Amino acid sequence: MTRTRSPRRLSGALFAVQMAIIIAVVVIVAVVGVVRSVAANQEATEQRIYGQALTLSHLPSVIDAMQGPNAHAEIQPIVDAAMSSSDFRYITVVGMDNIRVAHVDPSEVGEPVSSDHSAIRRGETFAGVEEGTQGITYRVKVPIRTESGKVVGTLSVGELVSEIRDDALMQVVPLAAVSLLAIIAGAVLAWFVSKWLRRMLYGVEPDQLAQLLQAHRAVMESTEEGVIATDADGRVQLVNREAARMLGVASEGELEGAGLDALPEELAQLLEAEHPPEDLQLVHLPSGSVYVHAAATWADGRAIGRMLAMRDRSQLDDAIARLERQREQAQLLRIEAHEFENRMHVLSGLLELGEYEQARAYLEEQPNELDPNAASELDLTALEPALLAALVSAHAAAASREHVTLELDDASHVPADVTVTTDDLLVVANLLTNAVEATGFGGTVRLTLLAEPGTGLLEIVVEDDGPGFSASPEVLTTGGITTKLDDPERHGIGLFSVQEVVRERGGELRFGASELGGAQVEADLPLASPDTASGEGAPQ
């Protein structure tokens, strides 16, 4: 199984990047400094050796001694004094016969010089690295000349290359210490910068930024409220589309970055108030009246600005009106349910006592808003199942109350041996109810019910002369979706229920246009067997 890699924290990643940059810069500067320091130190040592050689070679005492019989006795003390006052590895004075006249090691005096001095005896000068009795040294060889320019001997001054290098490297120690201190100081500064940036971003990590931006845009564009947000300095940072519409500006970005003086005065006062009112405030804008609520916005325990939520007054008034209607309807339903329960108790008591005639009389005395004559005008003989005929008769009476005519097509025929289930009645009832409500006052609804032998289907066709369908079948059969705009809370489940029943029965539901000028809905339901339908009652 693949393990998901957890995202790196922003502060840690930023600290690592800063430290990489700091270390790279310090290392580059340190390397350049070391190279330059070593080169400068080596150059200074070489110049010092060369200067010492020239100084000794121009001493009159050395020049005179090289022309006298006691050259060693006169020059050796000078060489010893020069050696004691300097840190050179050796100083050698050589005669024209290539024999050492003076040397740091007395045992080497009188011996031939180990390196070639022939070019020096010809008046040339040498500076470079050679290997001699003292080891590998950087040496300078110069001729000893008289005032007339005659070469009377040679002089060589040298220093071990390893010692020159060690001296140069000793100059690196302070630079290394400074570089280390620079890295430590940079680390501390980088840590503070990372913490500051994390605080400024309220602890949001990089992988969350895109998600927060998407969620922010989705919320701001989908909400029905207008939203205006300002920062701690009182400058507008956010205006969503609905707020732009209410303010009458062309786009959301037009006010971003502006001061409060760019907003209507009443809104600016609410955003400037130290303690905004907790209840809604009614503000009149050029686009209409809106209810406004202002509040401070907080993040990470500190105030970061103000937020203003605006809601169109007409929308709230409509919502309140719908809520009041729903409360009234609920109250009426509770009253009717209570009265119906009382009637059922009375009727149940009469039936228990065997007072059937009195029970019939009691039922006939109850108020009935349906027109019984509307059902009598229908010829229901083609519908032999009693439940189906009774359902159609009841809907014909209900339609007459709405001044809608319900017709039964002449082609309708359902034999008595057809088993009618609750699902069949639900489909017929919902389709008739929708058609009656859609066609309205003075409309006509036509019903066709056909169960032909051998087809195994109950064909249900409901037509009307209303406005037809204003949406696709996929939308109409979605729960909670309705085309009845007068009171949408009470609708949106009829066709959805029909679709569910047809799908469960393995049938087919079709939508189209009717010859009457309105909509037509066809439902083919496989006939149920008597065993499947046993125990089912009338539709609730």
Protein backbone atom coordinates (compact mmCIF):
# COMPACT_ATOMS: atom_id res chain seq x y z
CA MET A 1 0.00 0.00 0.00
CA THR A 2 1.33 3.42 -0.96
CA ARG A 3 1.87 5.75 1.97
CA THR A 4 0.62 9.28 1.46
CA ARG A 5 3.33 11.83 1.96
CA SER A 6 2.30 14.55 4.37
CA PRO A 7 2.80 18.09 3.04
CA ARG A 8 5.68 20.10 4.48
CA ARG A 9 4.73 22.98 6.72
CA LEU A 10 5.14 26.40 5.13
CA SER A 11 7.35 27.72 7.95
CA GLY A 12 9.67 24.71 7.74
CA ALA A 13 9.97 24.89 3.95
CA LEU A 14 10.60 28.62 4.02
CA PHE A 15 13.21 28.23 6.77
CA ALA A 16 14.98 25.52 4.76
CA VAL A 17 15.04 27.68 1.61
CA GLN A 18 16.37 30.70 3.49
CA MET A 19 19.05 28.64 5.21
CA ALA A 20 20.13 27.12 1.88
CA ILE A 21 20.49 30.60 0.40
CA ILE A 22 22.34 31.96 3.45
CA ILE A 23 24.76 29.02 3.62
CA ALA A 24 25.41 29.15 -0.14
CA VAL A 25 26.16 32.88 -0.04
CA VAL A 26 28.37 32.62 3.06
CA VAL A 27 30.29 29.65 1.65
CA ILE A 28 30.89 31.42 -1.67
CA VAL A 29 32.05 34.59 0.08
CA ALA A 30 34.24 32.57 2.46
CA VAL A 31 35.86 30.57 -0.36
CA VAL A 32 36.57 33.72 -2.34
CA GLY A 33 37.96 35.34 0.81
CA VAL A 34 40.17 32.35 1.59
CA VAL A 35 41.55 32.20 -1.94
CA ARG A 36 42.28 35.91 -1.97
CA SER A 37 43.76 35.80 1.55
CA VAL A 38 46.04 32.87 0.73
CA ALA A 39 47.13 34.52 -2.50
CA ALA A 40 47.77 37.85 -0.76
CA ASN A 41 49.68 36.22 2.07
CA GLN A 42 51.80 34.20 -0.34
CA GLU A 43 52.52 37.28 -2.44
CA ALA A 44 53.51 39.24 0.66
CA THR A 45 55.89 36.46 1.77
CA GLU A 46 57.47 36.29 -1.66
CA GLN A 47 57.94 40.05 -1.70
CA ARG A 48 59.50 39.90 1.76
CA ILE A 49 61.93 37.16 0.68
CA TYR A 50 62.84 39.09 -2.45
CA GLY A 51 63.35 42.27 -0.43
CA GLN A 52 65.59 40.47 2.05
CA ALA A 53 67.68 39.01 -0.75
CA LEU A 54 68.14 42.40 -2.43
CA THR A 55 68.98 44.07 0.87
CA LEU A 56 71.72 41.56 1.77
CA SER A 57 73.16 41.50 -1.73
CA HIS A 58 73.59 45.31 -1.71
CA LEU A 59 75.33 45.53 1.68
CA PRO A 60 78.82 47.02 1.18
CA SER A 61 80.24 44.72 3.83
CA VAL A 62 78.98 41.68 1.94
CA ILE A 63 80.30 43.01 -1.38
CA ASP A 64 83.72 43.81 0.11
CA ALA A 65 83.92 40.47 1.96
CA MET A 66 83.21 38.57 -1.26
CA GLN A 67 86.33 40.22 -2.74
CA GLY A 68 88.54 39.57 0.33
CA PRO A 69 90.33 36.48 1.66
CA ASN A 70 88.06 36.00 4.75
CA ALA A 71 84.63 36.04 3.15
CA HIS A 72 83.13 33.39 5.44
CA ALA A 73 84.30 35.02 8.65
CA GLU A 74 82.91 38.40 7.66
CA ILE A 75 79.63 37.30 6.03
CA GLN A 76 78.48 34.45 8.36
CA PRO A 77 77.73 36.85 11.28
CA ILE A 78 75.63 38.97 8.93
CA VAL A 79 73.69 35.89 7.79
CA ASP A 80 73.18 34.73 11.39
CA ALA A 81 71.87 38.17 12.39
CA ALA A 82 69.47 38.23 9.45
CA MET A 83 68.23 34.74 10.28
CA SER A 84 67.61 35.61 13.93
CA SER A 85 65.64 38.69 13.00
CA SER A 86 63.47 36.88 10.42
CA ASP A 87 61.62 33.61 10.00
CA PHE A 88 63.28 32.53 6.76
CA ARG A 89 64.28 28.92 6.36
CA TYR A 90 67.74 29.64 5.06
CA ILE A 91 70.10 32.31 3.68
CA THR A 92 73.01 31.13 1.55
CA VAL A 93 75.92 33.12 0.12
CA VAL A 94 77.80 31.39 -2.71
CA GLY A 95 81.10 32.32 -4.32
CA MET A 96 81.89 32.39 -7.99
CA ASP A 97 83.33 28.90 -7.64
CA ASN A 98 79.85 27.55 -6.67
CA ILE A 99 81.04 26.91 -3.06
CA ARG A 100 78.95 28.05 -0.11
CA VAL A 101 80.55 30.96 1.73
CA ALA A 102 77.84 31.29 4.40
CA HIS A 103 74.87 29.11 5.30
CA VAL A 104 72.35 28.60 8.10
CA ASP A 105 73.89 25.16 8.67
CA PRO A 106 77.67 25.55 9.39
CA SER A 107 78.33 22.01 8.15
CA GLU A 108 77.19 23.05 4.69
CA VAL A 109 79.76 25.84 4.46
CA GLY A 110 82.54 25.02 1.99
CA GLU A 111 80.30 22.56 0.14
CA PRO A 112 79.01 23.08 -3.40
CA VAL A 113 75.55 24.60 -3.56
CA SER A 114 72.78 22.02 -4.23
CA SER A 115 70.94 24.09 -6.85
CA ASP A 116 72.09 25.65 -10.09
CA HIS A 117 73.50 29.20 -9.69
CA SER A 118 75.09 29.46 -13.11
CA ALA A 119 72.43 31.82 -14.46
CA ILE A 120 72.75 33.99 -11.36
CA ARG A 121 76.52 34.27 -11.86
CA ARG A 122 75.75 35.62 -15.32
CA GLY A 123 73.75 38.43 -13.68
CA GLU A 124 70.21 36.98 -13.86
CA THR A 125 67.65 36.77 -10.99
CA PHE A 126 65.53 33.76 -10.04
CA ALA A 127 62.33 33.50 -7.94
CA GLY A 128 60.45 30.20 -7.65
CA VAL A 129 60.08 26.82 -5.98
CA GLU A 130 63.00 24.39 -5.84
CA GLU A 131 64.01 21.44 -3.70
CA GLY A 132 67.24 21.69 -1.73
CA THR A 133 68.85 20.47 1.46
CA GLN A 134 66.16 22.22 3.52
CA GLY A 135 63.31 20.70 1.55
CA ILE A 136 60.93 22.20 -1.00
CA THR A 137 61.25 25.96 -0.64
CA TYR A 138 60.26 29.13 -2.34
CA ARG A 139 63.55 30.87 -2.96
CA VAL A 140 64.97 34.04 -4.50
CA LYS A 141 68.49 34.05 -6.04
CA VAL A 142 70.21 37.35 -6.83
CA PRO A 143 73.77 38.23 -7.92
CA ILE A 144 76.16 40.15 -5.64
CA ARG A 145 77.59 43.00 -7.72
CA THR A 146 80.30 45.55 -7.15
CA GLU A 147 79.77 49.23 -7.85
CA SER A 148 81.10 48.66 -11.33
CA GLY A 149 78.47 45.94 -11.91
CA LYS A 150 80.80 43.00 -11.74
CA VAL A 151 79.27 39.83 -10.26
CA VAL A 152 81.41 38.60 -7.36
CA GLY A 153 79.00 36.01 -5.92
CA THR A 154 75.36 34.94 -5.49
CA LEU A 155 72.91 35.06 -2.61
CA SER A 156 69.84 32.86 -2.04
CA VAL A 157 67.01 33.36 0.50
CA GLY A 158 64.30 30.71 0.92
CA GLU A 159 61.26 29.69 2.92
CA LEU A 160 59.54 26.29 3.09
CA VAL A 161 56.47 26.16 0.88
CA SER A 162 54.59 24.28 3.61
CA GLU A 163 55.26 27.06 6.13
CA ILE A 164 54.11 29.71 3.67
CA ARG A 165 50.90 27.72 3.16
CA ASP A 166 50.38 27.24 6.91
CA ASP A 167 50.83 30.95 7.52
CA ALA A 168 48.26 31.69 4.82
CA LEU A 169 45.77 29.22 6.25
CA MET A 170 46.11 30.80 9.69
CA GLN A 171 44.62 33.91 8.14
CA VAL A 172 41.50 31.83 7.30
CA VAL A 173 40.55 31.14 10.92
CA PRO A 174 39.08 34.61 11.61
CA LEU A 175 37.23 34.49 8.29
CA ALA A 176 35.81 31.06 9.15
CA ALA A 177 34.66 32.33 12.55
CA VAL A 178 32.97 35.32 10.95
CA SER A 179 31.29 33.03 8.38
CA LEU A 180 29.97 30.77 11.14
CA LEU A 181 28.59 33.74 13.04
CA ALA A 182 26.94 34.95 9.81
CA ILE A 183 25.24 31.58 9.31
CA ILE A 184 23.98 31.55 12.92
CA ALA A 185 22.66 35.11 12.62
CA GLY A 186 21.02 34.24 9.30
CA ALA A 187 19.38 31.16 10.85
CA VAL A 188 17.92 33.24 13.66
CA LEU A 189 16.63 35.86 11.22
CA ALA A 190 15.20 33.19 8.90
CA TRP A 191 13.40 31.58 11.84
CA PHE A 192 11.78 34.88 12.80
CA VAL A 193 10.79 35.57 9.17
CA SER A 194 9.20 32.11 8.86
CA LYS A 195 7.23 32.59 12.07
CA TRP A 196 6.13 36.06 10.98
CA LEU A 197 4.95 34.82 7.59
CA ARG A 198 3.09 31.88 9.16
CA ARG A 199 1.38 34.31 11.53
CA MET A 200 0.46 36.58 8.64
CA LEU A 201 -1.09 33.58 6.81
CA TYR A 202 -2.90 32.41 9.98
CA GLY A 203 -1.20 29.03 9.90
CA VAL A 204 -2.49 28.10 6.45
CA GLU A 205 -0.20 25.68 4.63
CA PRO A 206 0.57 25.87 0.87
CA ASP A 207 -1.55 22.83 -0.01
CA GLN A 208 -4.53 24.48 1.70
CA LEU A 209 -4.28 27.84 -0.07
CA ALA A 210 -5.84 26.63 -3.35
CA GLN A 211 -8.63 24.83 -1.49
CA LEU A 212 -9.39 27.91 0.60
CA LEU A 213 -9.43 30.11 -2.51
CA GLN A 214 -11.81 27.76 -4.31
CA ALA A 215 -14.09 27.52 -1.28
CA HIS A 216 -13.98 31.29 -0.84
CA ARG A 217 -14.99 31.93 -4.45
CA ALA A 218 -17.72 29.28 -4.35
CA VAL A 219 -19.25 30.71 -1.18
CA MET A 220 -19.02 34.33 -2.28
CA GLU A 221 -20.58 33.68 -5.69
CA SER A 222 -23.30 31.26 -4.56
CA THR A 223 -24.64 33.14 -1.53
CA GLU A 224 -27.77 35.22 -1.93
CA GLU A 225 -26.37 37.82 0.45
CA GLY A 226 -24.23 40.76 -0.57
CA VAL A 227 -20.89 40.73 1.26
CA ILE A 228 -18.44 43.61 1.75
CA ALA A 229 -15.21 43.00 3.70
CA THR A 230 -12.65 45.58 4.82
CA ASP A 231 -9.19 45.21 6.33
CA ALA A 232 -7.90 46.62 9.62
CA ASP A 233 -7.08 49.91 7.87
CA GLY A 234 -10.64 50.40 6.67
CA ARG A 235 -9.98 49.65 2.99
CA VAL A 236 -12.38 47.53 0.95
CA GLN A 237 -10.89 44.10 0.26
CA LEU A 238 -13.88 42.12 -1.00
CA VAL A 239 -17.16 42.87 -2.78
CA ASN A 240 -19.06 39.86 -4.09
CA ARG A 241 -21.36 39.86 -7.11
CA GLU A 242 -24.60 40.35 -5.17
CA ALA A 243 -23.15 43.28 -3.22
CA ALA A 244 -21.97 44.88 -6.47
CA ARG A 245 -25.49 44.58 -7.84
CA MET A 246 -26.99 46.18 -4.75
CA LEU A 247 -24.45 49.02 -4.83
CA GLY A 248 -24.98 49.57 -8.56
CA VAL A 249 -21.32 49.11 -9.56
CA ALA A 250 -20.20 47.44 -12.77
CA SER A 251 -18.00 44.69 -11.26
CA GLU A 252 -16.84 43.26 -7.97
CA GLY A 253 -13.27 44.53 -8.41
CA GLU A 254 -14.27 48.15 -8.95
CA LEU A 255 -14.31 48.96 -5.22
CA GLU A 256 -11.46 46.72 -4.08
CA GLY A 257 -8.70 48.77 -2.45
CA ALA A 258 -10.93 51.83 -2.09
CA GLY A 259 -11.62 53.60 1.20
CA LEU A 260 -14.92 53.68 3.06
CA ASP A 261 -15.75 57.00 1.43
CA ALA A 262 -16.43 55.05 -1.78
CA LEU A 263 -19.41 53.33 -0.07
CA PRO A 264 -22.81 54.84 0.71
CA GLU A 265 -22.69 56.90 3.89
CA GLU A 266 -24.93 54.60 5.98
CA LEU A 267 -22.83 51.54 5.10
CA ALA A 268 -19.59 53.40 5.84
CA GLN A 269 -20.90 54.43 9.27
CA LEU A 270 -21.75 50.82 10.14
CA LEU A 271 -18.26 49.68 9.13
CA GLU A 272 -16.60 52.50 11.10
CA ALA A 273 -18.63 51.99 14.28
CA GLU A 274 -16.60 50.71 17.22
CA HIS A 275 -19.55 48.57 18.37
CA PRO A 276 -21.82 47.77 15.39
CA PRO A 277 -25.47 47.09 16.27
CA GLU A 278 -26.26 43.40 16.69
CA ASP A 279 -29.68 43.54 15.03
CA LEU A 280 -30.42 44.07 11.35
CA GLN A 281 -30.42 47.64 10.04
CA LEU A 282 -32.61 48.81 7.17
CA VAL A 283 -30.60 50.83 4.66
CA HIS A 284 -31.99 52.47 1.55
CA LEU A 285 -29.78 52.10 -1.52
CA PRO A 286 -30.39 53.29 -5.09
CA SER A 287 -31.19 49.70 -6.10
CA GLY A 288 -33.68 49.27 -3.25
CA SER A 289 -33.90 48.72 0.49
CA VAL A 290 -31.63 46.14 2.11
CA TYR A 291 -31.23 44.69 5.56
CA VAL A 292 -27.63 45.07 6.76
CA HIS A 293 -25.62 43.44 9.53
CA ALA A 294 -22.08 44.53 10.37
CA ALA A 295 -19.58 42.61 12.48
CA ALA A 296 -15.86 42.47 13.19
CA THR A 297 -13.88 39.67 11.57
CA TRP A 298 -11.37 37.74 13.65
CA ALA A 299 -8.54 35.35 12.84
CA ASP A 300 -5.97 33.80 15.13
CA GLY A 301 -7.35 35.74 18.06
CA ARG A 302 -7.00 39.20 16.52
CA ALA A 303 -9.32 41.52 14.64
CA ILE A 304 -8.44 41.75 10.95
CA GLY A 305 -11.25 43.98 9.68
CA ARG A 306 -15.01 44.31 9.32
CA MET A 307 -17.62 42.41 7.34
CA LEU A 308 -20.97 43.70 6.10
CA ALA A 309 -23.74 41.30 5.06
CA MET A 310 -26.63 42.71 3.01
CA ARG A 311 -29.92 41.00 2.16
CA ASP A 312 -32.51 42.34 -0.25
CA ARG A 313 -35.56 43.42 1.72
CA SER A 314 -37.99 42.03 -0.86
CA GLN A 315 -36.40 38.58 -0.59
CA LEU A 316 -36.69 38.55 3.18
CA ASP A 317 -40.25 39.83 3.05
CA ASP A 318 -41.17 37.05 0.60
CA ALA A 319 -39.53 34.45 2.81
CA ILE A 320 -41.36 35.73 5.87
CA ALA A 321 -44.66 35.72 3.98
CA ARG A 322 -44.11 32.12 2.83
CA LEU A 323 -43.28 31.10 6.36
CA GLU A 324 -46.46 32.71 7.67
CA ARG A 325 -48.52 30.88 5.02
CA GLN A 326 -46.93 27.61 5.98
CA ARG A 327 -47.70 28.24 9.64
CA GLU A 328 -51.33 29.03 8.80
CA GLN A 329 -51.62 25.91 6.65
CA ALA A 330 -50.06 23.79 9.37
CA GLN A 331 -52.52 25.20 11.91
CA LEU A 332 -55.48 24.45 9.61
CA LEU A 333 -54.22 20.93 9.01
CA ARG A 334 -53.93 20.35 12.77
CA ILE A 335 -57.51 21.56 13.22
CA GLU A 336 -58.79 19.39 10.37
CA ALA A 337 -56.85 16.39 11.66
CA HIS A 338 -58.38 16.88 15.10
CA GLU A 339 -61.91 17.13 13.65
CA PHE A 340 -61.34 14.11 11.41
CA GLU A 341 -60.08 12.09 14.37
CA ASN A 342 -63.25 12.98 16.30
CA ARG A 343 -65.41 11.93 13.38
CA MET A 344 -63.57 8.64 13.06
CA HIS A 345 -64.10 7.97 16.77
CA VAL A 346 -67.85 8.60 16.42
CA LEU A 347 -68.08 6.45 13.30
CA SER A 348 -66.05 3.65 14.92
CA GLY A 349 -68.35 3.70 17.95
CA LEU A 350 -71.50 3.46 15.80
CA LEU A 351 -70.04 0.53 13.87
CA GLU A 352 -69.09 -1.23 17.12
CA LEU A 353 -72.68 -0.87 18.30
CA GLY A 354 -74.03 -2.18 15.01
CA GLU A 355 -75.80 1.12 14.24
CA TYR A 356 -75.04 0.90 10.52
CA GLU A 357 -77.90 3.04 9.35
CA GLN A 358 -77.07 5.74 11.85
CA ALA A 359 -73.41 5.58 10.77
CA ARG A 360 -74.50 6.06 7.14
CA ALA A 361 -76.66 8.99 8.14
CA TYR A 362 -73.78 10.47 10.13
CA LEU A 363 -71.48 10.29 7.12
CA GLU A 364 -74.09 11.91 4.87
CA GLU A 365 -74.43 14.77 7.34
CA GLN A 366 -70.67 15.64 7.15
CA PRO A 367 -69.76 18.63 4.94
CA ASN A 368 -68.55 17.62 1.48
CA GLU A 369 -66.95 20.20 -0.75
CA LEU A 370 -66.84 17.91 -3.77
CA ASP A 371 -69.44 18.04 -6.46
CA PRO A 372 -71.01 14.56 -6.61
CA ASN A 373 -72.61 15.36 -9.95
CA ALA A 374 -69.19 15.74 -11.63
CA ALA A 375 -68.37 12.06 -11.11
CA SER A 376 -71.82 10.97 -12.24
CA GLU A 377 -71.25 12.54 -15.66
CA LEU A 378 -68.36 10.11 -16.29
CA ASP A 379 -69.04 6.68 -17.73
CA LEU A 380 -66.84 4.50 -15.52
CA THR A 381 -68.17 1.15 -16.78
CA ALA A 382 -64.93 0.61 -18.72
CA LEU A 383 -63.06 0.60 -15.43
CA GLU A 384 -64.23 -2.64 -13.87
CA PRO A 385 -61.85 -2.74 -10.83
CA ALA A 386 -63.73 -0.91 -8.08
CA LEU A 387 -60.64 0.78 -6.59
CA LEU A 388 -59.67 2.27 -9.93
CA ALA A 389 -63.19 3.49 -10.71
CA ALA A 390 -63.54 5.02 -7.24
CA LEU A 391 -60.19 6.85 -7.59
CA VAL A 392 -61.13 8.34 -10.97
CA SER A 393 -64.56 9.32 -9.64
CA ALA A 394 -63.04 11.11 -6.64
CA HIS A 395 -60.59 13.01 -8.85
CA ALA A 396 -63.38 14.01 -11.23
CA ALA A 397 -65.26 15.52 -8.31
CA ALA A 398 -62.10 17.28 -7.07
CA ALA A 399 -61.40 18.63 -10.56
CA SER A 400 -64.92 20.04 -10.82
CA ARG A 401 -64.30 22.06 -7.68
CA GLU A 402 -61.37 23.69 -9.53
CA HIS A 403 -63.61 24.20 -12.58
CA VAL A 404 -61.62 21.65 -14.55
CA THR A 405 -63.28 18.97 -16.68
CA LEU A 406 -61.94 15.42 -16.35
CA GLU A 407 -62.68 13.18 -19.34
CA LEU A 408 -62.23 9.43 -19.63
CA ASP A 409 -61.13 8.48 -23.15
CA ASP A 410 -63.44 6.09 -25.02
CA ALA A 411 -60.51 3.75 -25.66
CA SER A 412 -60.15 3.11 -21.94
CA HIS A 413 -60.77 -0.42 -20.71
CA VAL A 414 -59.52 -2.26 -17.63
CA PRO A 415 -61.03 -5.74 -17.09
CA ALA A 416 -62.19 -6.85 -13.69
CA ASP A 417 -59.53 -9.58 -13.47
CA VAL A 418 -56.74 -6.98 -13.51
CA THR A 419 -55.18 -6.61 -10.10
CA VAL A 420 -54.90 -2.94 -9.15
CA THR A 421 -52.16 -2.17 -6.62
CA THR A 422 -51.42 0.84 -4.47
CA ASP A 423 -48.60 1.76 -6.87
CA ASP A 424 -51.02 1.82 -9.81
CA LEU A 425 -53.39 4.10 -7.91
CA LEU A 426 -50.48 6.36 -6.83
CA VAL A 427 -49.36 6.87 -10.42
CA VAL A 428 -52.88 7.64 -11.67
CA ALA A 429 -53.61 9.96 -8.73
CA ASN A 430 -50.38 11.97 -9.06
CA LEU A 431 -50.63 12.36 -12.81
CA LEU A 432 -54.26 13.53 -12.57
CA THR A 433 -53.45 15.96 -9.74
CA ASN A 434 -50.55 17.48 -11.69
CA ALA A 435 -52.66 17.82 -14.84
CA VAL A 436 -55.57 19.50 -12.99
CA GLU A 437 -53.23 21.97 -11.28
CA ALA A 438 -51.38 22.70 -14.54
CA THR A 439 -54.44 23.37 -16.74
CA GLY A 440 -56.17 25.71 -14.28
CA PHE A 441 -59.60 27.31 -14.38
CA GLY A 442 -61.79 26.13 -17.30
CA GLY A 443 -59.26 23.54 -18.44
CA THR A 444 -59.70 19.99 -19.66
CA VAL A 445 -57.89 16.82 -18.61
CA ARG A 446 -58.18 13.57 -20.55
CA LEU A 447 -57.41 10.19 -18.97
CA THR A 448 -56.81 6.95 -20.84
CA LEU A 449 -56.53 3.66 -18.90
CA LEU A 450 -55.98 0.52 -20.94
CA ALA A 451 -55.04 -3.02 -19.94
CA GLU A 452 -55.34 -5.18 -23.08
CA PRO A 453 -55.14 -8.97 -22.68
CA GLY A 454 -51.77 -10.38 -23.57
CA THR A 455 -49.78 -7.15 -23.19
CA GLY A 456 -49.23 -7.55 -19.46
CA LEU A 457 -49.19 -3.74 -19.10
CA LEU A 458 -51.44 -1.12 -17.60
CA GLU A 459 -51.16 1.85 -19.96
CA ILE A 460 -51.85 5.21 -18.32
CA VAL A 461 -52.07 8.37 -20.47
CA VAL A 462 -52.92 11.78 -18.98
CA GLU A 463 -53.30 14.84 -21.25
CA ASP A 464 -54.24 18.45 -20.58
CA ASP A 465 -54.66 21.75 -22.39
CA GLY A 466 -52.36 23.68 -20.06
CA PRO A 467 -49.04 25.44 -20.85
CA GLY A 468 -47.07 22.22 -21.30
CA PHE A 469 -43.67 21.39 -19.84
CA SER A 470 -41.20 24.20 -19.23
CA ALA A 471 -38.32 21.91 -18.21
CA SER A 472 -36.71 18.64 -19.27
CA PRO A 473 -38.01 15.27 -17.98
CA GLU A 474 -34.79 14.85 -15.94
CA VAL A 475 -35.53 18.07 -14.06
CA LEU A 476 -39.26 17.38 -13.63
CA THR A 477 -38.65 13.96 -12.05
CA THR A 478 -36.13 15.32 -9.52
CA GLY A 479 -37.37 15.48 -5.95
CA GLY A 480 -38.26 19.02 -4.80
CA ILE A 481 -38.28 20.45 -8.36
CA THR A 482 -41.56 21.93 -9.56
CA THR A 483 -42.84 24.33 -12.22
CA LYS A 484 -45.61 25.66 -9.95
CA LEU A 485 -44.25 29.04 -8.91
CA ASP A 486 -47.27 30.21 -6.97
CA ASP A 487 -46.53 27.98 -3.98
CA PRO A 488 -43.49 25.79 -4.66
CA GLU A 489 -43.19 24.50 -1.07
CA ARG A 490 -46.23 22.27 -1.52
CA HIS A 491 -45.02 20.66 -4.74
CA GLY A 492 -42.06 18.91 -6.31
CA ILE A 493 -42.73 15.33 -5.18
CA GLY A 494 -45.55 14.10 -7.50
CA LEU A 495 -43.60 13.25 -10.65
CA PHE A 496 -40.65 12.17 -8.53
CA SER A 497 -42.89 9.58 -6.80
CA VAL A 498 -44.27 8.45 -10.17
CA GLN A 499 -40.74 8.03 -11.54
CA GLU A 500 -39.71 5.94 -8.52
CA VAL A 501 -42.74 3.63 -8.85
CA VAL A 502 -42.26 3.16 -12.60
CA ARG A 503 -38.56 2.39 -12.11
CA GLU A 504 -39.21 -0.14 -9.35
CA ARG A 505 -41.90 -1.89 -11.43
CA GLY A 506 -39.65 -2.02 -14.49
CA GLY A 507 -42.01 0.18 -16.51
CA GLU A 508 -41.51 3.21 -18.71
CA LEU A 509 -42.39 6.90 -18.29
CA ARG A 510 -42.61 9.25 -21.30
CA PHE A 511 -43.27 12.97 -21.66
CA GLY A 512 -44.61 14.76 -24.70
CA ALA A 513 -47.12 17.20 -26.14
CA SER A 514 -50.85 16.56 -26.13
CA GLU A 515 -53.36 17.03 -28.94
CA LEU A 516 -55.28 19.20 -26.48
CA GLY A 517 -52.46 21.74 -26.65
CA GLY A 518 -50.73 21.04 -23.34
CA ALA A 519 -48.64 18.27 -21.84
CA GLN A 520 -48.95 14.51 -22.14
CA VAL A 521 -47.54 11.90 -19.76
CA GLU A 522 -47.56 8.20 -20.56
CA ALA A 523 -46.76 5.47 -18.04
CA ASP A 524 -46.57 1.75 -18.84
CA LEU A 525 -46.73 -0.38 -15.70
CA PRO A 526 -46.32 -4.18 -15.78
CA LEU A 527 -49.45 -5.76 -14.31
CA ALA A 528 -49.04 -7.14 -10.81
CA SER A 529 -50.01 -10.69 -9.91
CA PRO A 530 -52.72 -11.23 -7.28
CA ASP A 531 -50.08 -12.59 -4.84
CA THR A 532 -47.97 -9.45 -5.21
CA ALA A 533 -50.93 -7.18 -4.59
CA SER A 534 -52.37 -9.03 -1.58
CA GLY A 535 -52.51 -7.05 1.60
CA GLU A 536 -52.25 -3.67 -0.12
CA GLY A 537 -54.91 -1.16 0.60
CA ALA A 538 -56.08 2.03 -0.90
CA PRO A 539 -53.66 4.89 -1.38
CA GLN A 540 -52.96 6.97 1.63
